């Protein structure tokens, strides 16, 4: 998985909406523990004339979660000023990873 996402203090960037947070910690043998739990895993924000959505996790590499990336791309190209929510980005999609 990628790094947890955290708010920036750069005033030229818009605030983002957290769409998902890490519940538990995942780290390599030599990496510090306790850094992921409660941190943002998926964020979205308006940017310029468009929108941006970032995944810290890798749904495209997780069986059963691939559609999240497709939904995110579809949302990012829609011309709308709707509020950024899980429902507006992913619809009724509830991600369920498949055991390999």
C-alpha atoms as a PDB file:
ATOM      1  CA  UNK A   1       0.000   0.000   0.000  1.00  0.00           C
ATOM      2  CA  UNK A   2       1.009   3.572  -0.466  1.00  0.00           C
ATOM      3  CA  UNK A   3       1.665   6.173   2.223  1.00  0.00           C
ATOM      4  CA  UNK A   4      -1.192   7.526   4.341  1.00  0.00           C
ATOM      5  CA  UNK A   5      -2.477  10.832   3.006  1.00  0.00           C
ATOM      6  CA  UNK A   6      -2.468  13.847   5.335  1.00  0.00           C
ATOM      7  CA  UNK A   7      -3.709  17.440   4.946  1.00  0.00           C
ATOM      8  CA  UNK A   8      -1.217  19.991   3.683  1.00  0.00           C
ATOM      9  CA  UNK A   9      -0.579  23.446   5.024  1.00  0.00           C
ATOM     10  CA  UNK A  10      -0.017  24.764   1.496  1.00  0.00           C
ATOM     11  CA  UNK A  11      -2.591  27.525   1.147  1.00  0.00           C
ATOM     12  CA  UNK A  12      -2.728  27.259  -2.667  1.00  0.00           C
ATOM     13  CA  UNK A  13      -4.151  23.725  -2.481  1.00  0.00           C
ATOM     14  CA  UNK A  14      -7.863  23.240  -1.786  1.00  0.00           C
ATOM     15  CA  UNK A  15      -8.984  21.235   1.217  1.00  0.00           C
ATOM     16  CA  UNK A  16      -9.786  17.637   0.406  1.00  0.00           C
ATOM     17  CA  UNK A  17     -12.558  15.270   1.438  1.00  0.00           C
ATOM     18  CA  UNK A  18     -11.540  11.977   3.013  1.00  0.00           C
ATOM     19  CA  UNK A  19     -13.516   9.143   1.400  1.00  0.00           C
ATOM     20  CA  UNK A  20     -11.827   6.253   3.246  1.00  0.00           C
ATOM     21  CA  UNK A  21      -9.429   5.787   6.142  1.00  0.00           C
ATOM     22  CA  UNK A  22      -7.104   2.982   7.105  1.00  0.00           C
ATOM     23  CA  UNK A  23      -8.498   1.002  10.019  1.00  0.00           C
ATOM     24  CA  UNK A  24      -5.401  -1.038  10.804  1.00  0.00           C
ATOM     25  CA  UNK A  25      -1.690  -0.787  10.216  1.00  0.00           C
ATOM     26  CA  UNK A  26       0.240  -2.525   7.446  1.00  0.00           C
ATOM     27  CA  UNK A  27       3.993  -2.247   7.355  1.00  0.00           C
ATOM     28  CA  UNK A  28       7.106  -4.082   6.280  1.00  0.00           C
ATOM     29  CA  UNK A  29       9.374  -5.906   8.684  1.00  0.00           C
ATOM     30  CA  UNK A  30      11.757  -2.971   9.098  1.00  0.00           C
ATOM     31  CA  UNK A  31       9.180  -0.168   8.760  1.00  0.00           C
ATOM     32  CA  UNK A  32       7.769   1.660  11.789  1.00  0.00           C
ATOM     33  CA  UNK A  33       4.456   0.364  13.130  1.00  0.00           C
ATOM     34  CA  UNK A  34       1.397   2.420  14.036  1.00  0.00           C
ATOM     35  CA  UNK A  35       1.576   4.956  11.213  1.00  0.00           C
ATOM     36  CA  UNK A  36      -1.483   4.037   9.108  1.00  0.00           C
ATOM     37  CA  UNK A  37      -4.455   3.443  11.397  1.00  0.00           C
ATOM     38  CA  UNK A  38      -6.947   6.318  11.212  1.00  0.00           C
ATOM     39  CA  UNK A  39      -5.104   8.058   8.362  1.00  0.00           C
ATOM     40  CA  UNK A  40      -6.693   8.870   4.999  1.00  0.00           C
ATOM     41  CA  UNK A  41      -6.571   6.168   2.309  1.00  0.00           C
ATOM     42  CA  UNK A  42      -8.740   7.785  -0.413  1.00  0.00           C
ATOM     43  CA  UNK A  43      -9.150  11.539  -0.851  1.00  0.00           C
ATOM     44  CA  UNK A  44     -10.810  13.818  -3.403  1.00  0.00           C
ATOM     45  CA  UNK A  45     -10.887  17.552  -4.051  1.00  0.00           C
ATOM     46  CA  UNK A  46     -11.700  20.149  -6.676  1.00  0.00           C
ATOM     47  CA  UNK A  47      -8.605  21.411  -8.434  1.00  0.00           C
ATOM     48  CA  UNK A  48      -8.474  24.174 -11.021  1.00  0.00           C
ATOM     49  CA  UNK A  49     -11.285  23.515 -13.500  1.00  0.00           C
ATOM     50  CA  UNK A  50     -11.432  19.823 -12.630  1.00  0.00           C
ATOM     51  CA  UNK A  51     -11.318  17.293  -9.840  1.00  0.00           C
ATOM     52  CA  UNK A  52      -8.696  14.978  -8.438  1.00  0.00           C
ATOM     53  CA  UNK A  53      -8.989  11.713  -6.533  1.00  0.00           C
ATOM     54  CA  UNK A  54      -6.029   9.960  -4.905  1.00  0.00           C
ATOM     55  CA  UNK A  55      -5.729   6.401  -3.685  1.00  0.00           C
ATOM     56  CA  UNK A  56      -3.075   5.573  -1.136  1.00  0.00           C
ATOM     57  CA  UNK A  57      -4.110   1.944  -1.375  1.00  0.00           C
ATOM     58  CA  UNK A  58      -4.001  -0.033  -4.633  1.00  0.00           C
ATOM     59  CA  UNK A  59      -7.516  -1.146  -5.624  1.00  0.00           C
ATOM     60  CA  UNK A  60      -6.291  -1.865  -9.150  1.00  0.00           C
ATOM     61  CA  UNK A  61      -4.031  -4.577  -7.733  1.00  0.00           C
ATOM     62  CA  UNK A  62      -6.572  -6.052  -5.303  1.00  0.00           C
ATOM     63  CA  UNK A  63      -8.931  -8.717  -6.682  1.00  0.00           C
ATOM     64  CA  UNK A  64     -12.501  -7.549  -6.179  1.00  0.00           C
ATOM     65  CA  UNK A  65     -11.635  -3.850  -5.858  1.00  0.00           C
ATOM     66  CA  UNK A  66     -10.645  -3.057  -9.449  1.00  0.00           C
ATOM     67  CA  UNK A  67     -13.947  -1.274 -10.162  1.00  0.00           C
ATOM     68  CA  UNK A  68     -13.052   1.440  -7.645  1.00  0.00           C
ATOM     69  CA  UNK A  69     -10.476   2.828 -10.057  1.00  0.00           C
ATOM     70  CA  UNK A  70     -12.980   2.787 -12.929  1.00  0.00           C
ATOM     71  CA  UNK A  71     -15.581   4.602 -10.804  1.00  0.00           C
ATOM     72  CA  UNK A  72     -13.001   7.190  -9.722  1.00  0.00           C
ATOM     73  CA  UNK A  73     -12.061   7.968 -13.323  1.00  0.00           C
ATOM     74  CA  UNK A  74     -15.721   8.266 -14.320  1.00  0.00           C
ATOM     75  CA  UNK A  75     -16.364  10.655 -11.435  1.00  0.00           C
ATOM     76  CA  UNK A  76     -13.327  12.789 -12.249  1.00  0.00           C
ATOM     77  CA  UNK A  77     -14.472  13.477 -15.825  1.00  0.00           C
ATOM     78  CA  UNK A  78     -18.128  14.232 -15.010  1.00  0.00           C
ATOM     79  CA  UNK A  79     -18.923  17.917 -15.342  1.00  0.00           C
ATOM     80  CA  UNK A  80     -20.688  18.577 -12.074  1.00  0.00           C
ATOM     81  CA  UNK A  81     -20.225  20.634  -8.932  1.00  0.00           C
ATOM     82  CA  UNK A  82     -21.882  18.068  -6.687  1.00  0.00           C
ATOM     83  CA  UNK A  83     -20.645  17.626  -3.140  1.00  0.00           C
ATOM     84  CA  UNK A  84     -17.776  15.145  -2.852  1.00  0.00           C
ATOM     85  CA  UNK A  85     -19.081  12.083  -1.023  1.00  0.00           C
ATOM     86  CA  UNK A  86     -18.546   8.332  -1.255  1.00  0.00           C
ATOM     87  CA  UNK A  87     -22.017   8.022  -2.802  1.00  0.00           C
ATOM     88  CA  UNK A  88     -21.340  10.650  -5.479  1.00  0.00           C
ATOM     89  CA  UNK A  89     -17.983   9.126  -6.427  1.00  0.00           C
ATOM     90  CA  UNK A  90     -18.579   5.378  -6.071  1.00  0.00           C
ATOM     91  CA  UNK A  91     -22.387   5.153  -5.979  1.00  0.00           C
ATOM     92  CA  UNK A  92     -23.715   2.139  -4.094  1.00  0.00           C
ATOM     93  CA  UNK A  93     -20.465   0.252  -4.628  1.00  0.00           C
ATOM     94  CA  UNK A  94     -19.271  -1.451  -1.455  1.00  0.00           C
ATOM     95  CA  UNK A  95     -15.707  -2.706  -1.919  1.00  0.00           C
ATOM     96  CA  UNK A  96     -15.073  -6.309  -0.924  1.00  0.00           C
ATOM     97  CA  UNK A  97     -11.641  -7.757  -1.539  1.00  0.00           C
ATOM     98  CA  UNK A  98     -11.589 -11.374  -2.697  1.00  0.00           C
ATOM     99  CA  UNK A  99      -9.297 -13.866  -0.996  1.00  0.00           C
ATOM    100  CA  UNK A 100      -6.659 -15.210  -3.313  1.00  0.00           C
END
